[in-house]
C-alpha cells in the first residue's frame, strides 16, 4: 500500500475539501476550502492548506477517461498523484489517489543547537 493518500470531496456547490493522509505516520494535511475555476483554458480545483499546517497548495485537473491528477506542494516538497479516480462506494462520492512519490524541491534549514 502506498504511503500517501489524497481524497477530495465536494461539500457544496463548487466548494471542495481535500485531505492528504500520511498512512505511515498517521498525520494529515487539511485543505478545507478548495474551489473549482478555469485556469489556462482548463477546469481546475485549487486550494490552500488550513492554518494548523500552512503553506501547502493543492491543484487538481481532469486528465481524461475518469482519471484526475492532483498535485500538492509547499516550498520544500511536491507530491504528485497522477492517476486519481472517482470513488462512489461510500455515501459521499470522492476523488481518491495514492502515491509514494515525494519530490524534494529544497532542503529545509537545519537548526544547530550550540
Protein backbone atom coordinates (compact mmCIF):
# COMPACT_ATOMS: atom_id res chain seq x y z
CA UNK A 1 0.00 0.00 0.00
CA UNK A 2 1.44 3.42 -0.92
CA UNK A 3 2.33 5.79 1.91
CA UNK A 4 0.24 8.81 0.87
CA UNK A 5 -3.48 9.05 0.14
CA UNK A 6 -5.36 12.09 -1.15
CA UNK A 7 -9.13 12.48 -1.02
CA UNK A 8 -11.14 15.34 -2.49
CA UNK A 9 -14.81 15.65 -1.55
CA UNK A 10 -17.45 18.07 -2.84
CA UNK A 11 -19.05 19.72 0.20
CA UNK A 12 -21.16 22.40 -1.56
CA UNK A 13 -21.67 23.97 -4.98
CA UNK A 14 -18.19 24.41 -6.39
CA UNK A 15 -16.50 24.02 -2.98
CA UNK A 16 -14.31 21.04 -2.10
CA UNK A 17 -12.33 19.69 0.83
CA UNK A 18 -9.07 17.84 0.34
CA UNK A 19 -7.22 15.68 2.85
CA UNK A 20 -3.69 14.34 2.46
CA UNK A 21 -3.09 11.37 4.74
CA UNK A 22 0.37 10.01 5.52
CA UNK A 23 -0.59 6.40 6.22
CA UNK A 24 2.79 5.65 7.82
CA UNK A 25 2.92 8.49 10.37
CA UNK A 26 -0.88 8.84 10.54
CA UNK A 27 -0.63 12.61 10.07
CA UNK A 28 -2.91 14.66 7.83
CA UNK A 29 -2.93 17.95 5.98
CA UNK A 30 -6.36 19.50 5.53
CA UNK A 31 -7.37 21.64 2.54
CA UNK A 32 -10.77 22.87 3.80
CA UNK A 33 -11.70 25.46 1.17
CA UNK A 34 -10.81 24.33 -2.35
CA UNK A 35 -12.71 25.80 -5.29
CA UNK A 36 -13.31 25.00 -8.94
CA UNK A 37 -12.40 27.57 -11.60
CA UNK A 38 -10.87 28.00 -15.08
CA UNK A 39 -7.10 28.31 -15.38
CA UNK A 40 -5.19 28.42 -18.68
CA UNK A 41 -8.31 27.24 -20.52
CA UNK A 42 -8.95 24.20 -18.35
CA UNK A 43 -11.10 23.44 -15.34
CA UNK A 44 -9.12 23.00 -12.11
CA UNK A 45 -9.75 22.75 -8.39
CA UNK A 46 -7.26 24.59 -6.18
CA UNK A 47 -6.89 25.40 -2.51
CA UNK A 48 -4.54 26.12 0.36
CA UNK A 49 -3.93 24.07 3.48
CA UNK A 50 -5.51 25.04 6.79
CA UNK A 51 -3.83 27.34 9.31
CA UNK A 52 -2.66 24.45 11.51
CA UNK A 53 -0.15 23.49 8.76
CA UNK A 54 0.00 26.44 6.34
CA UNK A 55 2.00 26.74 3.14
CA UNK A 56 0.69 23.77 1.16
CA UNK A 57 -1.18 24.18 -2.15
CA UNK A 58 -3.48 21.66 -3.87
CA UNK A 59 -4.24 21.60 -7.60
CA UNK A 60 -6.44 19.04 -9.31
CA UNK A 61 -7.09 18.75 -13.04
CA UNK A 62 -9.01 16.32 -15.24
CA UNK A 63 -6.77 14.01 -17.28
CA UNK A 64 -9.44 12.03 -19.17
CA UNK A 65 -11.39 8.75 -19.04
CA UNK A 66 -12.38 9.28 -15.40
CA UNK A 67 -8.80 9.99 -14.28
CA UNK A 68 -7.71 13.09 -12.36
CA UNK A 69 -4.28 14.43 -11.46
CA UNK A 70 -3.70 16.04 -8.06
CA UNK A 71 -0.50 17.82 -7.09
CA UNK A 72 0.32 19.06 -3.59
CA UNK A 73 3.25 21.37 -2.98
CA UNK A 74 4.90 23.63 -0.47
CA UNK A 75 8.25 25.43 -0.79
CA UNK A 76 10.13 22.23 0.11
CA UNK A 77 8.16 19.29 -1.28
CA UNK A 78 5.93 18.23 -4.18
CA UNK A 79 3.64 15.20 -4.01
CA UNK A 80 2.04 14.04 -7.24
CA UNK A 81 -0.99 11.80 -7.58
CA UNK A 82 -1.13 11.27 -11.38
CA UNK A 83 -3.98 8.73 -11.54
CA UNK A 84 -6.77 9.61 -9.09
CA UNK A 85 -10.22 8.15 -9.65
CA UNK A 86 -13.79 8.79 -8.57
CA UNK A 87 -14.79 6.52 -5.68
CA UNK A 88 -18.55 6.14 -5.28
CA UNK A 89 -18.54 3.25 -2.80
CA UNK A 90 -19.37 5.47 0.21
CA UNK A 91 -22.46 7.60 0.65
CA UNK A 92 -20.35 10.62 -0.32
CA UNK A 93 -18.55 10.33 -3.70
CA UNK A 94 -14.94 11.46 -3.65
CA UNK A 95 -11.82 11.52 -5.78
CA UNK A 96 -9.09 9.30 -4.34
CA UNK A 97 -5.44 8.68 -5.20
CA UNK A 98 -2.34 7.05 -3.74
CA UNK A 99 1.39 7.55 -4.18
CA UNK A 100 4.82 7.02 -2.69
CA UNK A 101 6.35 9.74 -4.86
CA UNK A 102 7.60 12.79 -2.94
CA UNK A 103 9.98 15.19 -4.67
CA UNK A 104 12.28 17.31 -2.53
CA UNK A 105 12.37 20.79 -4.04
CA UNK A 106 14.53 22.43 -1.41
CA UNK A 107 16.11 21.10 1.76
CA UNK A 108 14.78 22.60 4.98
CA UNK A 109 17.29 24.55 7.02
CA UNK A 110 18.61 22.63 9.98
CA UNK A 111 18.80 24.41 13.31
CA UNK A 112 22.05 23.80 15.16
CA UNK A 113 21.91 23.89 18.92
CA UNK A 114 25.07 25.29 20.48
